[in-house]
N, C-alpha and C. Protein backbone atom coordinates (compact mmCIF):
# COMPACT_ATOMS: atom_id res chain seq x y z
N MET A 1 26.43 4.89 -4.60
CA MET A 1 26.65 3.67 -4.09
C MET A 1 26.94 3.57 -2.50
N THR A 2 26.66 3.54 -2.05
CA THR A 2 26.39 3.17 -0.49
C THR A 2 27.92 1.97 0.12
N THR A 3 28.23 2.50 1.28
CA THR A 3 29.36 1.60 1.57
C THR A 3 28.83 -0.05 1.70
N LEU A 4 27.45 -0.20 2.24
CA LEU A 4 27.17 -1.23 2.52
C LEU A 4 26.84 -2.08 1.15
N ARG A 5 26.33 -1.42 0.44
CA ARG A 5 26.46 -2.40 -1.39
C ARG A 5 27.56 -2.43 -1.90
N ARG A 6 28.57 -1.88 -1.69
CA ARG A 6 29.66 -1.87 -2.09
C ARG A 6 30.77 -2.67 -1.33
N SER A 7 30.83 -3.22 -0.22
CA SER A 7 31.51 -4.03 0.52
C SER A 7 30.27 -5.10 -0.28
N VAL A 8 29.54 -5.08 -0.23
CA VAL A 8 28.36 -6.51 -0.79
C VAL A 8 29.59 -7.04 -1.84
N LEU A 9 29.13 -5.86 -3.01
CA LEU A 9 29.76 -6.20 -3.87
C LEU A 9 31.09 -6.79 -4.00
N ASN A 10 32.01 -6.08 -3.29
CA ASN A 10 33.29 -6.33 -3.51
C ASN A 10 33.57 -7.75 -2.57
N ASN A 11 33.16 -7.87 -1.97
CA ASN A 11 33.10 -9.32 -1.23
C ASN A 11 32.61 -10.54 -2.08
N GLY A 12 32.04 -10.63 -2.98
CA GLY A 12 31.20 -11.24 -3.96
C GLY A 12 30.54 -11.57 -3.73
N GLY A 13 29.70 -10.90 -3.26
CA GLY A 13 28.30 -11.58 -2.76
C GLY A 13 27.50 -10.73 -4.11
N ASP A 14 26.38 -11.00 -4.31
CA ASP A 14 25.27 -10.66 -5.08
C ASP A 14 24.05 -10.13 -4.49
N MET A 15 23.80 -8.94 -5.19
CA MET A 15 22.64 -8.61 -4.52
C MET A 15 21.74 -7.67 -5.83
N ASN A 16 20.17 -8.07 -5.19
CA ASN A 16 19.34 -7.95 -6.10
C ASN A 16 18.49 -6.57 -5.53
N TYR A 17 19.21 -5.50 -5.60
CA TYR A 17 18.60 -4.17 -5.51
C TYR A 17 17.54 -3.86 -6.07
N TYR A 18 16.92 -3.17 -4.84
CA TYR A 18 15.42 -2.89 -4.96
C TYR A 18 15.24 -1.52 -4.61
N GLY A 19 15.17 -0.17 -5.17
CA GLY A 19 15.64 1.32 -4.99
C GLY A 19 14.44 1.89 -4.87
N SER A 20 14.65 3.21 -5.01
CA SER A 20 13.21 4.00 -4.67
C SER A 20 12.32 4.15 -5.94
N LYS A 21 13.22 3.79 -7.24
CA LYS A 21 12.38 3.79 -8.35
C LYS A 21 11.23 2.31 -8.55
N GLU A 22 11.66 1.28 -7.89
CA GLU A 22 11.05 -0.15 -7.65
C GLU A 22 9.86 0.02 -6.82
N LEU A 23 10.41 0.90 -5.61
CA LEU A 23 9.35 0.80 -4.43
C LEU A 23 7.99 1.96 -5.14
N ALA A 24 8.35 2.94 -5.83
CA ALA A 24 7.55 3.90 -6.44
C ALA A 24 6.53 3.09 -7.56
N ALA A 25 7.05 2.40 -8.08
CA ALA A 25 6.39 1.54 -9.53
C ALA A 25 5.86 0.16 -8.60
N SER A 26 6.37 0.03 -7.75
CA SER A 26 5.75 -1.43 -7.35
C SER A 26 4.56 -0.80 -5.91
N PHE A 27 4.26 0.22 -5.23
CA PHE A 27 3.22 0.82 -5.10
C PHE A 27 2.30 1.27 -6.45
N ARG A 28 2.50 1.81 -7.00
CA ARG A 28 1.55 2.27 -7.79
C ARG A 28 0.96 1.19 -8.83
N THR A 29 1.48 -0.53 -8.40
CA THR A 29 0.73 -1.59 -8.76
C THR A 29 -0.20 -1.47 -8.11
N VAL A 30 0.35 -1.60 -7.09
CA VAL A 30 -0.74 -2.18 -6.10
C VAL A 30 -1.98 -1.13 -5.87
N ARG A 31 -1.78 0.19 -5.75
CA ARG A 31 -2.18 1.45 -5.53
C ARG A 31 -4.00 1.12 -6.72
N ASN A 32 -3.16 0.71 -8.08
CA ASN A 32 -3.73 0.87 -9.34
C ASN A 32 -4.91 -0.41 -9.37
N ASN A 33 -4.79 -1.12 -8.63
CA ASN A 33 -5.05 -2.64 -8.26
C ASN A 33 -6.85 -2.19 -7.30
N THR A 34 -6.10 -1.14 -6.02
CA THR A 34 -6.86 -1.19 -5.50
C THR A 34 -8.01 -0.37 -5.97
N ILE A 35 -7.71 0.88 -7.04
CA ILE A 35 -8.30 1.89 -7.34
C ILE A 35 -9.65 0.84 -8.34
N LYS A 36 -9.29 0.17 -8.94
CA LYS A 36 -10.02 -0.62 -9.64
C LYS A 36 -11.01 -1.62 -9.19
N ILE A 37 -10.92 -1.56 -8.03
CA ILE A 37 -11.52 -2.72 -7.30
C ILE A 37 -12.72 -1.58 -6.75
N ALA A 38 -12.27 -0.44 -6.27
CA ALA A 38 -13.10 0.56 -5.69
C ALA A 38 -14.04 1.28 -6.99
N GLU A 39 -13.70 0.99 -8.53
CA GLU A 39 -14.33 1.33 -9.81
C GLU A 39 -15.56 0.24 -9.52
N ASP A 40 -15.29 -1.04 -9.35
CA ASP A 40 -15.96 -2.17 -9.44
C ASP A 40 -16.88 -1.85 -8.66
N ILE A 41 -17.00 -1.90 -7.31
CA ILE A 41 -17.67 -2.04 -6.62
C ILE A 41 -18.82 -0.96 -6.84
N PRO A 42 -20.37 -1.08 -6.80
CA PRO A 42 -21.18 0.13 -6.72
C PRO A 42 -21.64 0.98 -5.79
N GLU A 43 -21.92 2.00 -6.12
CA GLU A 43 -21.60 3.24 -4.78
C GLU A 43 -22.59 2.20 -3.83
N SER A 44 -24.04 1.71 -4.64
CA SER A 44 -24.80 1.18 -3.80
C SER A 44 -23.85 0.06 -2.38
N LYS A 45 -23.24 -0.27 -2.59
CA LYS A 45 -22.48 -1.24 -1.58
C LYS A 45 -21.36 -0.50 -1.02
N TYR A 46 -21.32 0.88 -0.99
CA TYR A 46 -20.40 1.34 -0.43
C TYR A 46 -20.44 1.69 1.17
N GLU A 47 -21.42 1.24 1.32
CA GLU A 47 -22.17 1.15 3.05
C GLU A 47 -22.17 -0.10 3.67
N PHE A 48 -21.87 -1.27 2.50
CA PHE A 48 -21.67 -2.46 2.79
C PHE A 48 -20.58 -2.95 3.83
N ARG A 49 -20.65 -3.53 5.28
CA ARG A 49 -20.46 -4.10 6.40
C ARG A 49 -20.27 -5.68 6.19
N PRO A 50 -18.96 -6.18 6.40
CA PRO A 50 -19.28 -7.28 6.67
C PRO A 50 -19.65 -7.95 7.77
N ALA A 51 -19.44 -7.27 9.19
CA ALA A 51 -19.83 -7.90 10.09
C ALA A 51 -19.60 -6.96 11.32
N PRO A 52 -20.57 -6.59 12.14
CA PRO A 52 -20.18 -5.46 13.11
C PRO A 52 -19.26 -5.16 13.23
N ASP A 53 -19.35 -4.09 13.57
CA ASP A 53 -17.90 -3.35 14.84
C ASP A 53 -16.42 -3.32 13.35
N THR A 54 -16.63 -3.71 12.19
CA THR A 54 -15.79 -3.20 10.57
C THR A 54 -16.21 -2.58 10.37
N ARG A 55 -15.43 -1.93 9.11
CA ARG A 55 -15.26 -0.94 8.49
C ARG A 55 -16.43 -1.08 7.38
N THR A 56 -17.19 -0.01 6.70
CA THR A 56 -17.51 -0.64 5.24
C THR A 56 -17.25 -0.19 4.56
N VAL A 57 -17.15 -1.38 2.74
CA VAL A 57 -16.07 -0.55 1.91
C VAL A 57 -15.79 0.94 1.79
N ALA A 58 -16.80 1.98 2.03
CA ALA A 58 -16.43 3.36 1.96
C ALA A 58 -15.33 4.01 2.96
N GLN A 59 -15.48 3.20 4.31
CA GLN A 59 -14.59 3.12 4.82
C GLN A 59 -13.11 2.82 4.59
N SER A 60 -13.22 1.23 4.26
CA SER A 60 -12.36 0.27 4.40
C SER A 60 -11.61 1.43 3.20
N LEU A 61 -11.99 1.55 2.04
CA LEU A 61 -11.03 2.47 1.27
C LEU A 61 -10.40 3.89 1.21
N THR A 62 -11.90 4.36 2.18
CA THR A 62 -10.53 5.79 2.76
C THR A 62 -9.75 5.55 3.60
N HIS A 63 -10.10 4.77 4.35
CA HIS A 63 -8.56 4.33 4.91
C HIS A 63 -7.23 3.80 4.20
N ILE A 64 -7.31 3.30 3.34
CA ILE A 64 -6.49 2.62 2.80
C ILE A 64 -5.73 3.98 1.86
N ALA A 65 -6.77 4.86 1.19
CA ALA A 65 -6.24 5.95 0.45
C ALA A 65 -5.17 7.25 1.45
N LEU A 66 -5.67 6.97 2.95
CA LEU A 66 -4.78 8.23 3.44
C LEU A 66 -3.92 7.39 4.72
N SER A 67 -3.77 5.90 4.30
CA SER A 67 -2.94 5.27 5.31
C SER A 67 -1.35 5.70 5.01
N THR A 68 -1.25 6.26 3.62
CA THR A 68 0.22 5.88 3.30
C THR A 68 0.82 7.82 4.18
N ARG A 69 0.08 9.00 4.23
CA ARG A 69 0.70 10.02 4.91
C ARG A 69 1.09 9.67 6.26
N PHE A 70 1.27 8.65 6.97
CA PHE A 70 1.97 8.84 8.00
C PHE A 70 3.41 8.45 7.88
N GLN A 71 3.37 7.36 6.72
CA GLN A 71 4.92 7.08 6.46
C GLN A 71 5.59 8.55 5.58
N GLN A 72 4.86 9.08 5.07
CA GLN A 72 5.20 10.28 4.55
C GLN A 72 5.86 11.43 5.28
N ARG A 73 5.07 11.63 5.92
CA ARG A 73 5.12 12.16 7.17
C ARG A 73 6.39 12.36 7.80
N LEU A 74 6.30 10.89 8.70
CA LEU A 74 7.30 10.50 9.19
C LEU A 74 8.72 10.82 8.77
N GLN A 75 8.76 10.32 7.46
CA GLN A 75 9.77 10.31 6.75
C GLN A 75 10.54 11.27 6.31
N THR A 76 9.41 12.29 6.17
CA THR A 76 9.77 13.59 5.92
C THR A 76 10.11 14.85 6.72
N SER A 77 9.85 14.51 7.91
CA SER A 77 10.44 15.06 8.37
C SER A 77 11.75 14.69 9.05
N LYS A 78 12.20 13.29 9.13
CA LYS A 78 13.71 12.70 9.29
C LYS A 78 13.69 12.27 10.82
N VAL A 79 12.58 11.90 11.07
CA VAL A 79 12.53 11.08 12.36
C VAL A 79 13.46 10.07 12.82
N SER A 80 14.66 9.86 13.13
CA SER A 80 15.70 8.70 13.92
C SER A 80 15.40 7.99 15.02
N ASP A 81 13.85 8.51 15.29
CA ASP A 81 13.74 7.91 16.97
C ASP A 81 12.12 7.64 17.09
N LEU A 82 11.50 6.37 16.90
CA LEU A 82 10.08 6.69 16.89
C LEU A 82 9.27 7.36 18.44
N ALA A 83 10.12 7.32 19.32
CA ALA A 83 9.83 7.50 20.77
C ALA A 83 9.63 9.26 20.75
N THR A 84 9.97 9.77 19.93
CA THR A 84 10.00 11.24 19.64
C THR A 84 9.17 11.08 18.84
N VAL A 85 7.43 10.72 18.39
CA VAL A 85 6.66 10.89 17.76
C VAL A 85 5.52 10.81 18.50
N ASN A 86 4.87 12.19 18.23
CA ASN A 86 3.47 12.02 19.24
C ASN A 86 2.50 11.80 18.31
N PHE A 87 2.36 10.03 18.66
CA PHE A 87 1.27 9.26 17.92
C PHE A 87 -0.14 9.43 18.10
N PRO A 88 -0.65 10.25 19.12
CA PRO A 88 -2.11 10.07 19.70
C PRO A 88 -2.82 11.75 18.88
N ASP A 89 -1.78 12.60 18.34
CA ASP A 89 -1.94 13.54 17.55
C ASP A 89 -1.77 13.19 16.77
N PHE A 90 -1.38 12.85 15.72
CA PHE A 90 -1.16 12.03 14.13
C PHE A 90 -2.39 11.28 14.16
N TYR A 91 -2.64 10.45 14.96
CA TYR A 91 -3.84 9.52 15.00
C TYR A 91 -5.33 10.37 14.51
N LYS A 92 -5.19 10.87 15.29
CA LYS A 92 -6.10 11.93 16.31
C LYS A 92 -6.79 12.63 14.45
N ASP A 93 -5.75 13.18 13.81
CA ASP A 93 -6.06 13.77 12.48
C ASP A 93 -5.99 12.62 11.64
N MET A 94 -5.98 11.60 11.64
CA MET A 94 -6.36 10.54 11.14
C MET A 94 -7.70 10.00 11.08
N VAL A 95 -8.14 9.67 12.53
CA VAL A 95 -9.81 9.46 12.39
C VAL A 95 -10.22 10.92 11.90
N THR A 96 -10.04 12.05 12.09
CA THR A 96 -10.78 12.96 11.69
C THR A 96 -11.01 13.31 9.82
N GLU A 97 -9.38 12.57 9.72
CA GLU A 97 -9.90 13.20 7.74
C GLU A 97 -10.61 11.94 7.57
N GLU A 98 -10.75 10.36 8.20
CA GLU A 98 -11.60 9.03 7.54
C GLU A 98 -12.70 9.73 7.55
N ALA A 99 -13.21 10.21 8.83
CA ALA A 99 -14.69 10.44 9.13
C ALA A 99 -15.56 11.09 8.00
N LYS A 100 -14.80 11.85 7.36
CA LYS A 100 -15.71 12.91 6.19
C LYS A 100 -16.64 11.98 5.57
N PRO A 101 -17.42 12.85 5.41
CA PRO A 101 -17.90 11.85 4.07
C PRO A 101 -17.56 12.09 2.63
N ARG A 102 -17.66 10.92 2.17
CA ARG A 102 -17.57 11.06 0.80
C ARG A 102 -18.12 9.83 -0.01
N THR A 103 -18.44 10.54 -1.57
CA THR A 103 -19.02 9.71 -2.90
C THR A 103 -18.13 8.80 -3.07
N LYS A 104 -18.46 8.05 -3.97
CA LYS A 104 -17.73 6.88 -4.68
C LYS A 104 -16.64 7.92 -5.24
N SER A 105 -17.29 8.59 -5.91
CA SER A 105 -15.75 9.43 -7.19
C SER A 105 -14.96 10.11 -6.50
N ASP A 106 -15.68 10.23 -5.23
CA ASP A 106 -14.52 11.43 -3.87
C ASP A 106 -13.57 10.50 -3.18
N ILE A 107 -13.97 9.52 -3.25
CA ILE A 107 -13.11 8.21 -2.53
C ILE A 107 -12.09 7.49 -3.80
N ILE A 108 -12.61 7.42 -4.83
CA ILE A 108 -11.58 7.51 -6.21
C ILE A 108 -10.46 8.14 -6.59
N ALA A 109 -11.30 9.59 -6.31
CA ALA A 109 -10.16 10.60 -6.27
C ALA A 109 -9.29 10.77 -5.01
N LEU A 110 -9.68 10.53 -3.87
CA LEU A 110 -8.69 10.98 -2.91
C LEU A 110 -7.29 9.46 -3.26
N LEU A 111 -8.29 8.27 -3.48
CA LEU A 111 -6.85 7.38 -3.96
C LEU A 111 -6.12 7.87 -5.07
N LYS A 112 -6.48 8.17 -5.79
CA LYS A 112 -5.39 8.69 -6.72
C LYS A 112 -4.62 9.28 -6.54
N SER A 113 -5.04 10.66 -5.94
CA SER A 113 -4.23 11.96 -5.62
C SER A 113 -2.74 11.36 -4.55
N GLU A 114 -4.28 10.89 -3.28
CA GLU A 114 -2.73 10.18 -2.38
C GLU A 114 -1.32 9.24 -2.60
N GLY A 115 -2.27 8.63 -3.49
CA GLY A 115 -1.55 7.35 -4.40
C GLY A 115 -0.49 7.69 -4.97
N ASP A 116 -0.48 9.15 -5.60
CA ASP A 116 0.44 9.77 -6.49
C ASP A 116 1.93 10.35 -6.05
N SER A 117 0.61 11.25 -4.38
CA SER A 117 1.30 11.70 -4.16
C SER A 117 2.82 11.06 -2.90
N TYR A 118 2.11 9.83 -2.62
CA TYR A 118 3.28 9.33 -2.20
C TYR A 118 4.03 8.47 -3.06
N ALA A 119 3.56 7.49 -4.61
CA ALA A 119 4.65 7.26 -5.42
C ALA A 119 5.54 8.30 -6.00
N ALA A 120 5.20 9.42 -5.93
CA ALA A 120 6.73 10.87 -6.53
C ALA A 120 7.25 10.57 -5.04
N PHE A 121 6.86 11.16 -3.79
CA PHE A 121 8.11 10.78 -2.50
C PHE A 121 9.13 9.75 -2.55
N LEU A 122 8.54 8.16 -2.74
CA LEU A 122 9.17 7.31 -2.97
C LEU A 122 10.11 7.62 -3.82
N GLU A 123 9.78 7.66 -5.61
CA GLU A 123 10.89 7.95 -6.09
C GLU A 123 12.02 9.20 -6.16
N GLY A 124 11.55 10.04 -5.24
CA GLY A 124 12.83 10.88 -5.32
C GLY A 124 13.60 10.72 -4.14
N LEU A 125 13.63 9.90 -3.25
CA LEU A 125 14.69 9.28 -2.24
C LEU A 125 15.77 8.98 -2.58
N SER A 126 16.54 9.22 -1.97
CA SER A 126 18.08 8.35 -2.09
C SER A 126 18.45 7.04 -1.43
N GLU A 127 19.79 6.70 -2.06
CA GLU A 127 19.48 5.19 -1.54
C GLU A 127 20.35 5.03 -0.26
N ALA A 128 21.02 6.65 0.12
CA ALA A 128 21.59 6.71 1.12
C ALA A 128 20.71 6.97 2.42
N PHE A 129 19.37 7.69 2.01
CA PHE A 129 18.20 7.66 3.10
C PHE A 129 17.74 6.64 3.18
N LEU A 130 16.82 5.72 2.14
CA LEU A 130 16.75 4.30 2.66
C LEU A 130 17.34 3.46 2.90
N ALA A 131 18.99 3.77 3.58
CA ALA A 131 19.54 2.74 3.81
C ALA A 131 19.71 3.45 5.94
N GLU A 132 19.23 4.16 6.00
CA GLU A 132 19.03 5.16 7.39
C GLU A 132 18.42 4.04 8.25
N SER A 133 18.80 3.98 9.65
CA SER A 133 18.37 3.07 10.25
C SER A 133 16.93 4.17 11.45
N VAL A 134 16.08 3.79 11.57
CA VAL A 134 15.11 4.37 13.03
C VAL A 134 15.14 3.59 13.72
N LYS A 135 15.14 4.05 15.09
CA LYS A 135 15.12 3.29 15.90
C LYS A 135 13.71 2.89 16.52
N MET A 136 12.69 2.09 16.62
CA MET A 136 11.43 2.13 17.23
C MET A 136 11.46 1.63 18.06
N SER A 137 10.42 2.58 18.38
CA SER A 137 9.51 2.77 19.91
C SER A 137 9.54 1.25 20.71
N PRO A 138 9.75 1.82 22.13
CA PRO A 138 9.36 0.03 22.86
C PRO A 138 8.23 -0.37 23.00
N GLN A 139 7.07 0.56 22.57
CA GLN A 139 6.07 -0.05 22.41
C GLN A 139 5.67 -0.92 21.45
N GLY A 140 6.68 -0.91 20.20
CA GLY A 140 6.47 -1.12 19.22
C GLY A 140 7.43 -2.27 19.22
N GLY A 141 8.02 -2.93 19.88
CA GLY A 141 9.08 -3.75 20.06
C GLY A 141 10.32 -3.52 19.93
N GLY A 142 10.73 -2.08 20.07
CA GLY A 142 11.89 -1.89 20.13
C GLY A 142 12.58 -2.42 18.72
N GLY A 143 14.09 -2.26 19.01
CA GLY A 143 15.17 -2.48 17.59
C GLY A 143 15.05 -1.33 16.97
N THR A 144 15.65 -1.47 15.42
CA THR A 144 15.28 -0.67 14.87
C THR A 144 14.97 -1.50 13.20
N LYS A 145 14.92 -0.25 12.36
CA LYS A 145 14.30 -0.57 11.03
C LYS A 145 15.04 0.18 10.09
N THR A 146 15.28 0.11 9.10
CA THR A 146 15.67 0.87 7.43
C THR A 146 14.26 1.17 7.53
N ARG A 147 14.82 2.76 7.01
CA ARG A 147 13.97 3.77 6.31
C ARG A 147 12.91 2.74 5.20
N PHE A 148 13.47 2.19 3.82
CA PHE A 148 13.42 1.17 3.02
C PHE A 148 12.49 0.34 3.58
N GLU A 149 12.56 -0.57 4.83
CA GLU A 149 11.62 -1.44 5.35
C GLU A 149 10.39 -0.57 5.70
N MET A 150 10.47 0.61 6.54
CA MET A 150 9.69 1.18 6.91
C MET A 150 8.60 1.92 5.70
N LEU A 151 9.13 2.15 4.78
CA LEU A 151 8.26 2.63 3.48
C LEU A 151 7.59 1.54 2.66
N LEU A 152 8.05 0.01 3.26
CA LEU A 152 7.48 -0.99 2.43
C LEU A 152 5.73 -0.86 2.87
N GLY A 153 5.88 -0.73 4.48
CA GLY A 153 4.76 -0.90 5.02
C GLY A 153 3.18 -0.42 4.67
N PRO A 154 3.18 0.59 3.72
CA PRO A 154 2.35 1.32 3.05
C PRO A 154 1.64 0.11 2.50
N LYS A 155 2.35 -0.27 1.84
CA LYS A 155 2.15 -1.13 0.45
C LYS A 155 1.34 -2.62 0.82
N GLU A 156 2.23 -2.87 1.86
CA GLU A 156 2.51 -4.62 2.50
C GLU A 156 0.44 -4.09 3.37
N HIS A 157 0.03 -3.01 3.96
CA HIS A 157 -0.79 -1.95 4.53
C HIS A 157 -1.96 -2.49 3.55
N GLU A 158 -1.91 -1.92 2.83
CA GLU A 158 -2.95 -2.04 1.43
C GLU A 158 -3.17 -2.99 0.68
N MET A 159 -1.73 -4.16 0.88
CA MET A 159 -2.39 -5.08 -0.01
C MET A 159 -3.65 -6.19 0.88
N HIS A 160 -2.74 -6.35 2.68
CA HIS A 160 -3.98 -6.71 3.70
C HIS A 160 -5.19 -6.15 3.64
N HIS A 161 -5.67 -4.78 3.36
CA HIS A 161 -7.17 -4.16 3.48
C HIS A 161 -7.72 -4.51 1.76
N ARG A 162 -7.00 -4.84 0.75
CA ARG A 162 -7.15 -4.75 -0.42
C ARG A 162 -7.74 -6.18 -0.70
N ALA A 163 -7.00 -7.19 0.06
CA ALA A 163 -7.93 -8.97 0.11
C ALA A 163 -8.74 -8.68 0.94
N GLN A 164 -9.11 -7.92 2.06
CA GLN A 164 -10.17 -7.82 2.72
C GLN A 164 -11.55 -7.59 1.47
N LEU A 165 -11.55 -6.40 1.06
CA LEU A 165 -11.92 -5.72 0.14
C LEU A 165 -12.19 -6.51 -1.14
N MET A 166 -11.26 -7.72 -1.58
CA MET A 166 -11.84 -8.93 -2.18
C MET A 166 -12.39 -9.73 -1.83
N THR A 167 -12.73 -10.39 -0.48
CA THR A 167 -13.34 -11.27 0.52
C THR A 167 -15.01 -10.78 0.18
N ILE A 168 -15.03 -8.95 0.05
CA ILE A 168 -16.24 -8.28 0.38
C ILE A 168 -16.32 -8.62 -1.38
N GLN A 169 -16.01 -8.41 -2.04
CA GLN A 169 -16.65 -8.63 -3.53
C GLN A 169 -16.73 -9.89 -3.63
N ARG A 170 -16.24 -10.72 -2.95
CA ARG A 170 -17.53 -12.28 -3.48
C ARG A 170 -18.57 -12.19 -2.31
N LEU A 171 -18.66 -11.49 -1.39
CA LEU A 171 -19.62 -11.32 -0.78
C LEU A 171 -20.81 -10.71 -1.44
N ILE A 172 -20.53 -9.59 -2.59
CA ILE A 172 -21.52 -8.96 -2.67
C ILE A 172 -21.97 -9.33 -4.12
N GLY A 173 -21.59 -10.69 -4.68
CA GLY A 173 -21.65 -11.55 -5.49
C GLY A 173 -20.79 -10.98 -6.76
N GLN A 174 -19.49 -10.25 -6.47
CA GLN A 174 -18.52 -9.93 -7.75
C GLN A 174 -17.28 -10.66 -7.79
N VAL A 175 -17.05 -10.60 -9.13
CA VAL A 175 -15.54 -11.67 -9.37
C VAL A 175 -14.18 -10.41 -9.10
N PRO A 176 -13.81 -10.58 -8.42
CA PRO A 176 -12.32 -9.64 -8.04
C PRO A 176 -11.59 -9.67 -9.58
N HIS A 177 -11.48 -8.53 -10.13
CA HIS A 177 -10.79 -7.93 -11.48
C HIS A 177 -9.12 -8.79 -11.59
N LEU A 178 -8.81 -9.10 -10.66
CA LEU A 178 -7.18 -9.64 -10.68
C LEU A 178 -7.70 -11.74 -11.01
N THR A 179 -8.87 -12.05 -10.01
CA THR A 179 -9.46 -13.49 -10.32
C THR A 179 -9.84 -13.38 -12.03
N ARG A 180 -10.72 -12.55 -12.25
CA ARG A 180 -10.94 -12.29 -13.95
C ARG A 180 -9.99 -12.61 -15.12
N GLN A 181 -8.94 -11.97 -14.39
CA GLN A 181 -8.22 -11.75 -15.58
C GLN A 181 -7.06 -13.09 -15.37
N MET A 182 -6.75 -13.60 -14.26
CA MET A 182 -6.06 -15.07 -14.28
C MET A 182 -7.14 -16.33 -15.00
N GLN A 183 -8.87 -16.24 -14.38
CA GLN A 183 -9.67 -16.79 -15.48
C GLN A 183 -9.44 -16.61 -16.96
N ASP A 184 -9.31 -15.87 -17.64
CA ASP A 184 -9.35 -15.29 -19.15
C ASP A 184 -8.06 -16.07 -19.32
N ARG A 185 -6.66 -16.06 -18.51
CA ARG A 185 -5.62 -16.22 -18.98
C ARG A 185 -5.67 -17.80 -18.97
N MET A 186 -6.24 -18.34 -18.03
CA MET A 186 -6.70 -19.93 -18.13
C MET A 186 -7.13 -20.37 -18.99
N ALA A 187 -8.29 -20.00 -19.45
CA ALA A 187 -9.42 -20.30 -20.62
C ALA A 187 -8.75 -19.84 -22.04
N GLN A 188 -7.72 -19.26 -22.24
CA GLN A 188 -7.13 -18.92 -23.40
C GLN A 188 -5.89 -19.95 -23.71
N ALA A 189 -5.19 -20.01 -22.39
CA ALA A 189 -4.18 -21.48 -22.44
C ALA A 189 -4.70 -22.27 -22.69
N ASN A 190 -6.06 -23.16 -22.33
CA ASN A 190 -6.73 -24.22 -22.60
C ASN A 190 -7.23 -24.45 -23.39
N ALA A 191 -7.46 -23.35 -24.04
CA ALA A 191 -8.19 -23.28 -25.89
C ALA A 191 -7.19 -23.36 -26.63
N GLY A 192 -5.82 -22.83 -26.37
CA GLY A 192 -4.78 -23.16 -27.58
C GLY A 192 -4.34 -24.53 -26.81
N GLN A 193 -4.45 -25.28 -26.28
CA GLN A 193 -4.15 -26.47 -26.06
C GLN A 193 -5.09 -27.27 -26.48
N GLN A 194 -6.06 -27.08 -26.49
CA GLN A 194 -7.41 -27.75 -27.70
C GLN A 194 -6.85 -27.61 -29.52
N ALA A 195 -6.36 -26.52 -29.55
CA ALA A 195 -6.26 -26.04 -30.80
C ALA A 195 -5.39 -26.77 -31.33
N GLN A 196 -3.82 -26.92 -30.00
CA GLN A 196 -3.06 -28.24 -30.79
C GLN A 196 -3.17 -29.42 -31.05
N ARG A 197 -3.94 -30.09 -30.35
CA ARG A 197 -4.17 -31.26 -30.52
C ARG A 197 -5.10 -31.59 -32.27
């Protein structure tokens, strides 16, 4: 138990703790929902672009699949000051990797493999590591963040892009799977209420 956590508990504070296992589990939930969207959208719509100068479905899914690499590489190298990171080199590699042509099945396989890699990485992190502070770059606003907060970033980033994909599903005439599930639950609840009358 870290000194901070012990101090909070000893001083009568309540702590709702979210550690590496929870990080990994919540990331897996998000990634599995993204994979379901990737499976639901027909390959014929993978080149759909909702507006000029935006990513296609395929590009968005590839971007999501690869986006965990930044935090995984950054945290594996145990960088403590982002001013020391060569961002142009990293992003050059990402742009090159994202630009590779891929089929629907290639993209789904990439979502699965990159997701599994990141979740396994998260699961293996110690509480002490998650509590460490990292100095942000001046261009990023300065200050510090814990590694924990930084490692939440890929999930938040994925949810942002997944919301875009769910809107695209509506544009191509699909009802997203999470919406279908909610509609099914509501229909069952309504049917149950009708049966009780």
